[in-house]
C-alpha atoms as a PDB file:
ATOM      1  CA  UNK A   1      31.130 -31.600  19.891  1.00  0.00           C
ATOM      2  CA  UNK A   2      27.832 -33.451  20.016  1.00  0.00           C
ATOM      3  CA  UNK A   3      26.284 -30.771  22.177  1.00  0.00           C
ATOM      4  CA  UNK A   4      27.130 -28.104  19.610  1.00  0.00           C
ATOM      5  CA  UNK A   5      25.521 -30.141  16.863  1.00  0.00           C
ATOM      6  CA  UNK A   6      22.333 -30.409  18.905  1.00  0.00           C
ATOM      7  CA  UNK A   7      22.324 -26.657  19.411  1.00  0.00           C
ATOM      8  CA  UNK A   8      22.659 -26.101  15.661  1.00  0.00           C
ATOM      9  CA  UNK A   9      19.738 -28.395  14.925  1.00  0.00           C
ATOM     10  CA  UNK A  10      17.603 -26.540  17.458  1.00  0.00           C
ATOM     11  CA  UNK A  11      18.356 -23.165  15.868  1.00  0.00           C
ATOM     12  CA  UNK A  12      17.499 -24.346  12.331  1.00  0.00           C
ATOM     13  CA  UNK A  13      13.728 -24.665  12.978  1.00  0.00           C
ATOM     14  CA  UNK A  14      13.735 -21.247  14.655  1.00  0.00           C
ATOM     15  CA  UNK A  15      15.260 -19.718  11.513  1.00  0.00           C
ATOM     16  CA  UNK A  16      12.724 -21.527   9.354  1.00  0.00           C
ATOM     17  CA  UNK A  17       9.956 -20.030  11.512  1.00  0.00           C
ATOM     18  CA  UNK A  18      11.353 -16.561  10.911  1.00  0.00           C
ATOM     19  CA  UNK A  19      11.318 -17.127   7.154  1.00  0.00           C
ATOM     20  CA  UNK A  20       7.631 -18.085   7.277  1.00  0.00           C
ATOM     21  CA  UNK A  21       6.674 -14.924   9.144  1.00  0.00           C
ATOM     22  CA  UNK A  22       8.410 -12.721   6.588  1.00  0.00           C
ATOM     23  CA  UNK A  23       5.911 -10.255   5.126  1.00  0.00           C
ATOM     24  CA  UNK A  24       5.084 -10.501   1.426  1.00  0.00           C
ATOM     25  CA  UNK A  25       5.636  -7.624  -0.976  1.00  0.00           C
ATOM     26  CA  UNK A  26       2.858  -5.091  -0.494  1.00  0.00           C
ATOM     27  CA  UNK A  27       1.368  -3.306  -3.469  1.00  0.00           C
ATOM     28  CA  UNK A  28       1.939   0.456  -3.705  1.00  0.00           C
ATOM     29  CA  UNK A  29       0.155   3.053  -5.811  1.00  0.00           C
ATOM     30  CA  UNK A  30       0.549   6.789  -6.380  1.00  0.00           C
ATOM     31  CA  UNK A  31      -2.554   8.924  -6.673  1.00  0.00           C
ATOM     32  CA  UNK A  32      -4.171  12.268  -5.890  1.00  0.00           C
ATOM     33  CA  UNK A  33      -6.270  12.905  -2.775  1.00  0.00           C
ATOM     34  CA  UNK A  34      -9.847  13.293  -3.972  1.00  0.00           C
ATOM     35  CA  UNK A  35     -11.617  13.829  -0.634  1.00  0.00           C
ATOM     36  CA  UNK A  36     -10.510  14.431   2.950  1.00  0.00           C
ATOM     37  CA  UNK A  37     -13.866  14.966   4.664  1.00  0.00           C
ATOM     38  CA  UNK A  38     -13.505  11.998   7.012  1.00  0.00           C
ATOM     39  CA  UNK A  39     -11.413  11.710  10.155  1.00  0.00           C
ATOM     40  CA  UNK A  40      -8.067   9.979   9.433  1.00  0.00           C
ATOM     41  CA  UNK A  41      -9.355   8.712   6.074  1.00  0.00           C
ATOM     42  CA  UNK A  42      -8.812  10.084   2.571  1.00  0.00           C
ATOM     43  CA  UNK A  43     -10.124   8.981  -0.798  1.00  0.00           C
ATOM     44  CA  UNK A  44      -7.273   8.635  -3.298  1.00  0.00           C
ATOM     45  CA  UNK A  45      -7.907   8.692  -7.064  1.00  0.00           C
ATOM     46  CA  UNK A  46      -5.447   6.592  -9.062  1.00  0.00           C
ATOM     47  CA  UNK A  47      -5.388   7.136 -12.837  1.00  0.00           C
ATOM     48  CA  UNK A  48      -3.877   4.671 -15.292  1.00  0.00           C
ATOM     49  CA  UNK A  49      -3.729   4.440 -19.072  1.00  0.00           C
ATOM     50  CA  UNK A  50      -5.076   1.269 -20.679  1.00  0.00           C
ATOM     51  CA  UNK A  51      -4.770   0.324 -24.329  1.00  0.00           C
ATOM     52  CA  UNK A  52      -8.234  -0.155 -25.877  1.00  0.00           C
ATOM     53  CA  UNK A  53      -8.455  -3.627 -27.393  1.00  0.00           C
ATOM     54  CA  UNK A  54     -10.325  -2.671 -30.561  1.00  0.00           C
ATOM     55  CA  UNK A  55      -9.337   0.932 -31.275  1.00  0.00           C
ATOM     56  CA  UNK A  56      -5.692   0.743 -30.081  1.00  0.00           C
ATOM     57  CA  UNK A  57      -5.984   4.098 -28.337  1.00  0.00           C
ATOM     58  CA  UNK A  58      -5.050   4.761 -24.745  1.00  0.00           C
ATOM     59  CA  UNK A  59      -8.018   5.264 -22.443  1.00  0.00           C
ATOM     60  CA  UNK A  60      -7.744   6.742 -18.946  1.00  0.00           C
ATOM     61  CA  UNK A  61      -9.178   4.511 -16.227  1.00  0.00           C
ATOM     62  CA  UNK A  62      -9.739   5.817 -12.700  1.00  0.00           C
ATOM     63  CA  UNK A  63      -9.927   3.866  -9.453  1.00  0.00           C
ATOM     64  CA  UNK A  64     -10.761   5.283  -6.027  1.00  0.00           C
ATOM     65  CA  UNK A  65      -9.233   3.853  -2.857  1.00  0.00           C
ATOM     66  CA  UNK A  66     -10.040   4.732   0.743  1.00  0.00           C
ATOM     67  CA  UNK A  67      -6.806   5.055   2.707  1.00  0.00           C
ATOM     68  CA  UNK A  68      -5.931   5.560   6.372  1.00  0.00           C
ATOM     69  CA  UNK A  69      -4.174   8.911   6.783  1.00  0.00           C
ATOM     70  CA  UNK A  70      -2.080   9.775   9.830  1.00  0.00           C
ATOM     71  CA  UNK A  71       0.012  12.364   7.929  1.00  0.00           C
ATOM     72  CA  UNK A  72      -2.741  14.935   7.309  1.00  0.00           C
ATOM     73  CA  UNK A  73      -3.006  14.904   3.514  1.00  0.00           C
ATOM     74  CA  UNK A  74      -5.408  17.406   1.958  1.00  0.00           C
ATOM     75  CA  UNK A  75      -7.305  17.560  -1.335  1.00  0.00           C
ATOM     76  CA  UNK A  76      -4.951  17.789  -4.310  1.00  0.00           C
ATOM     77  CA  UNK A  77      -1.912  16.247  -2.607  1.00  0.00           C
ATOM     78  CA  UNK A  78      -0.092  13.513  -4.501  1.00  0.00           C
ATOM     79  CA  UNK A  79       0.369  10.578  -2.128  1.00  0.00           C
ATOM     80  CA  UNK A  80       1.838   7.073  -2.124  1.00  0.00           C
ATOM     81  CA  UNK A  81      -0.492   4.451  -0.647  1.00  0.00           C
ATOM     82  CA  UNK A  82       0.412   0.926   0.426  1.00  0.00           C
ATOM     83  CA  UNK A  83      -1.771  -2.150   0.825  1.00  0.00           C
ATOM     84  CA  UNK A  84      -2.497  -3.154   4.416  1.00  0.00           C
ATOM     85  CA  UNK A  85      -4.809  -5.322   6.486  1.00  0.00           C
ATOM     86  CA  UNK A  86      -8.538  -4.470   6.431  1.00  0.00           C
ATOM     87  CA  UNK A  87      -9.014  -1.421   8.649  1.00  0.00           C
ATOM     88  CA  UNK A  88     -12.761  -1.058   8.060  1.00  0.00           C
ATOM     89  CA  UNK A  89     -15.436  -2.299   5.661  1.00  0.00           C
ATOM     90  CA  UNK A  90     -13.963  -0.406   2.681  1.00  0.00           C
ATOM     91  CA  UNK A  91     -10.522   0.720   3.866  1.00  0.00           C
ATOM     92  CA  UNK A  92      -7.574  -1.530   2.926  1.00  0.00           C
ATOM     93  CA  UNK A  93      -4.863   1.034   2.126  1.00  0.00           C
ATOM     94  CA  UNK A  94      -2.638   3.351   4.180  1.00  0.00           C
ATOM     95  CA  UNK A  95      -0.959   6.630   3.193  1.00  0.00           C
ATOM     96  CA  UNK A  96       2.771   5.931   3.219  1.00  0.00           C
ATOM     97  CA  UNK A  97       4.040   9.394   2.267  1.00  0.00           C
ATOM     98  CA  UNK A  98       2.973  12.694   0.754  1.00  0.00           C
ATOM     99  CA  UNK A  99       4.915  12.894  -2.499  1.00  0.00           C
ATOM    100  CA  UNK A 100       3.855  16.420  -3.455  1.00  0.00           C
ATOM    101  CA  UNK A 101       1.723  18.971  -1.643  1.00  0.00           C
ATOM    102  CA  UNK A 102      -1.141  20.665  -3.510  1.00  0.00           C
ATOM    103  CA  UNK A 103      -0.503  24.099  -4.992  1.00  0.00           C
ATOM    104  CA  UNK A 104      -2.426  26.741  -3.042  1.00  0.00           C
END
């Protein structure tokens, strides 16, 4: 019996170590591919509507993200990007999936 209790206590720290290595929730955004002139990198334009503080009208704000692309997205494709580790000086996102291909 005592041996089993020792085994259980040894496995508890191992499980706690697994909980610490669990990856945090990574931010995802959906945008349109703006440029694909680089190798394995695309520039994704993400539009969002923001309420103007004074005029109470919605204003469109645009952000551009450089994303690593292994899937071969082209200009005009709607893609889902996910936050990742720094891949280069300006690239911190990765193309997760192509949501909709561009109309040709």
